[in-house]
């Protein structure tokens, strides 16, 4: 496995409308143990359907704006500097209901 370096704006880009996911590290780069992306969600972005992961721990760190995260039947409005760690089996989703973009880091690790 080789070291990787992604400078500002570097990575594998994926678009969803005017929202964007910039992948910084994948399982391919980390021996199947870690994933990291920087996401920017457009205002009103509805997010994915509620879901859970069997083995992955899903983590979110808000850089700018307000990310809405639903964990089970609880909804949280998370501003810059907020962090969420979702263990395997917990139903969750995220969205941007505000009128401004939200930017956050999303990482996954394989849970124990």
Protein backbone atom coordinates (compact mmCIF):
# COMPACT_ATOMS: atom_id res chain seq x y z
CA UNK A 1 0.00 0.00 0.00
CA UNK A 2 1.34 3.44 -0.95
CA UNK A 3 0.96 6.70 0.96
CA UNK A 4 -1.51 9.16 -0.55
CA UNK A 5 -1.52 12.94 -0.39
CA UNK A 6 -4.53 15.04 -1.36
CA UNK A 7 -4.06 18.79 -1.29
CA UNK A 8 -6.93 21.24 -0.98
CA UNK A 9 -9.57 20.34 -3.55
CA UNK A 10 -7.88 17.05 -4.51
CA UNK A 11 -9.64 13.70 -4.41
CA UNK A 12 -12.24 11.72 -6.31
CA UNK A 13 -15.25 13.98 -7.03
CA UNK A 14 -18.86 12.81 -7.12
CA UNK A 15 -21.82 15.14 -7.75
CA UNK A 16 -25.44 14.90 -6.67
CA UNK A 17 -27.11 17.94 -8.24
CA UNK A 18 -25.10 20.88 -6.97
CA UNK A 19 -23.97 18.91 -3.91
CA UNK A 20 -20.53 17.31 -4.00
CA UNK A 21 -18.62 14.51 -2.29
CA UNK A 22 -14.84 14.69 -2.47
CA UNK A 23 -13.37 11.31 -1.50
CA UNK A 24 -10.02 11.58 0.26
CA UNK A 25 -9.43 7.93 1.34
CA UNK A 26 -11.10 4.62 0.57
CA UNK A 27 -10.76 1.05 1.76
CA UNK A 28 -8.48 0.51 -1.23
CA UNK A 29 -6.05 3.07 0.24
CA UNK A 30 -6.36 1.86 3.84
CA UNK A 31 -6.42 -1.92 3.71
CA UNK A 32 -10.22 -1.97 3.91
CA UNK A 33 -10.37 -0.25 7.30
CA UNK A 34 -11.19 3.44 6.73
CA UNK A 35 -13.06 5.87 4.44
CA UNK A 36 -12.96 9.69 4.49
CA UNK A 37 -14.80 12.25 2.38
CA UNK A 38 -15.42 15.98 2.44
CA UNK A 39 -19.01 16.73 1.45
CA UNK A 40 -20.73 19.98 0.54
CA UNK A 41 -24.53 19.81 0.54
CA UNK A 42 -26.63 22.37 -1.28
CA UNK A 43 -29.45 24.14 0.60
CA UNK A 44 -32.49 21.88 0.81
CA UNK A 45 -30.51 18.67 0.11
CA UNK A 46 -32.84 15.87 1.33
CA UNK A 47 -30.11 13.33 2.11
CA UNK A 48 -30.20 9.56 1.77
CA UNK A 49 -33.09 7.42 3.02
CA UNK A 50 -32.79 6.33 6.65
CA UNK A 51 -30.39 3.37 6.78
CA UNK A 52 -28.03 1.47 9.04
CA UNK A 53 -24.71 -0.27 8.59
CA UNK A 54 -24.05 -3.83 9.70
CA UNK A 55 -20.35 -3.36 10.50
CA UNK A 56 -19.40 0.25 9.76
CA UNK A 57 -19.11 3.05 12.29
CA UNK A 58 -20.29 6.19 10.45
CA UNK A 59 -18.90 9.53 11.67
CA UNK A 60 -19.69 13.14 10.76
CA UNK A 61 -17.73 16.30 11.65
CA UNK A 62 -19.36 19.60 10.62
CA UNK A 63 -16.97 22.19 9.14
CA UNK A 64 -19.45 24.90 8.03
CA UNK A 65 -23.20 25.41 8.17
CA UNK A 66 -25.80 23.28 9.95
CA UNK A 67 -26.14 19.56 9.26
CA UNK A 68 -29.37 17.85 10.26
CA UNK A 69 -28.71 14.31 11.52
CA UNK A 70 -31.48 11.89 12.41
CA UNK A 71 -30.56 9.04 14.75
CA UNK A 72 -33.48 6.67 15.21
CA UNK A 73 -36.39 8.95 16.12
CA UNK A 74 -34.23 11.85 17.35
CA UNK A 75 -33.23 14.80 15.12
CA UNK A 76 -30.16 16.93 15.84
CA UNK A 77 -29.17 20.31 14.33
CA UNK A 78 -25.37 20.33 14.30
CA UNK A 79 -23.29 23.43 13.67
CA UNK A 80 -19.59 23.84 12.90
CA UNK A 81 -17.40 21.86 15.27
CA UNK A 82 -20.10 19.27 16.02
CA UNK A 83 -19.34 15.55 15.80
CA UNK A 84 -21.54 12.46 15.54
CA UNK A 85 -20.44 8.84 15.82
CA UNK A 86 -23.08 6.33 14.64
CA UNK A 87 -22.38 2.73 15.69
CA UNK A 88 -23.39 -0.27 13.57
CA UNK A 89 -27.12 -1.03 13.66
CA UNK A 90 -28.31 2.53 14.42
CA UNK A 91 -30.75 3.86 11.79
CA UNK A 92 -29.63 7.30 10.63
CA UNK A 93 -29.72 9.87 7.85
CA UNK A 94 -28.56 13.44 7.28
CA UNK A 95 -29.77 16.46 5.32
CA UNK A 96 -29.43 20.21 4.84
CA UNK A 97 -32.73 21.97 5.48
CA UNK A 98 -31.14 25.43 5.68
CA UNK A 99 -30.77 28.11 3.02
CA UNK A 100 -26.95 27.88 3.10
CA UNK A 101 -24.55 25.11 2.07
CA UNK A 102 -23.24 22.75 4.74
CA UNK A 103 -19.75 21.24 4.58
CA UNK A 104 -18.68 18.25 6.64
CA UNK A 105 -16.25 15.36 6.87
CA UNK A 106 -17.68 11.84 6.76
CA UNK A 107 -15.58 8.88 7.82
CA UNK A 108 -16.30 5.19 8.22
CA UNK A 109 -14.34 2.53 10.02
CA UNK A 110 -15.07 -1.15 10.38
CA UNK A 111 -16.59 -1.69 13.83
CA UNK A 112 -15.57 -4.40 16.23
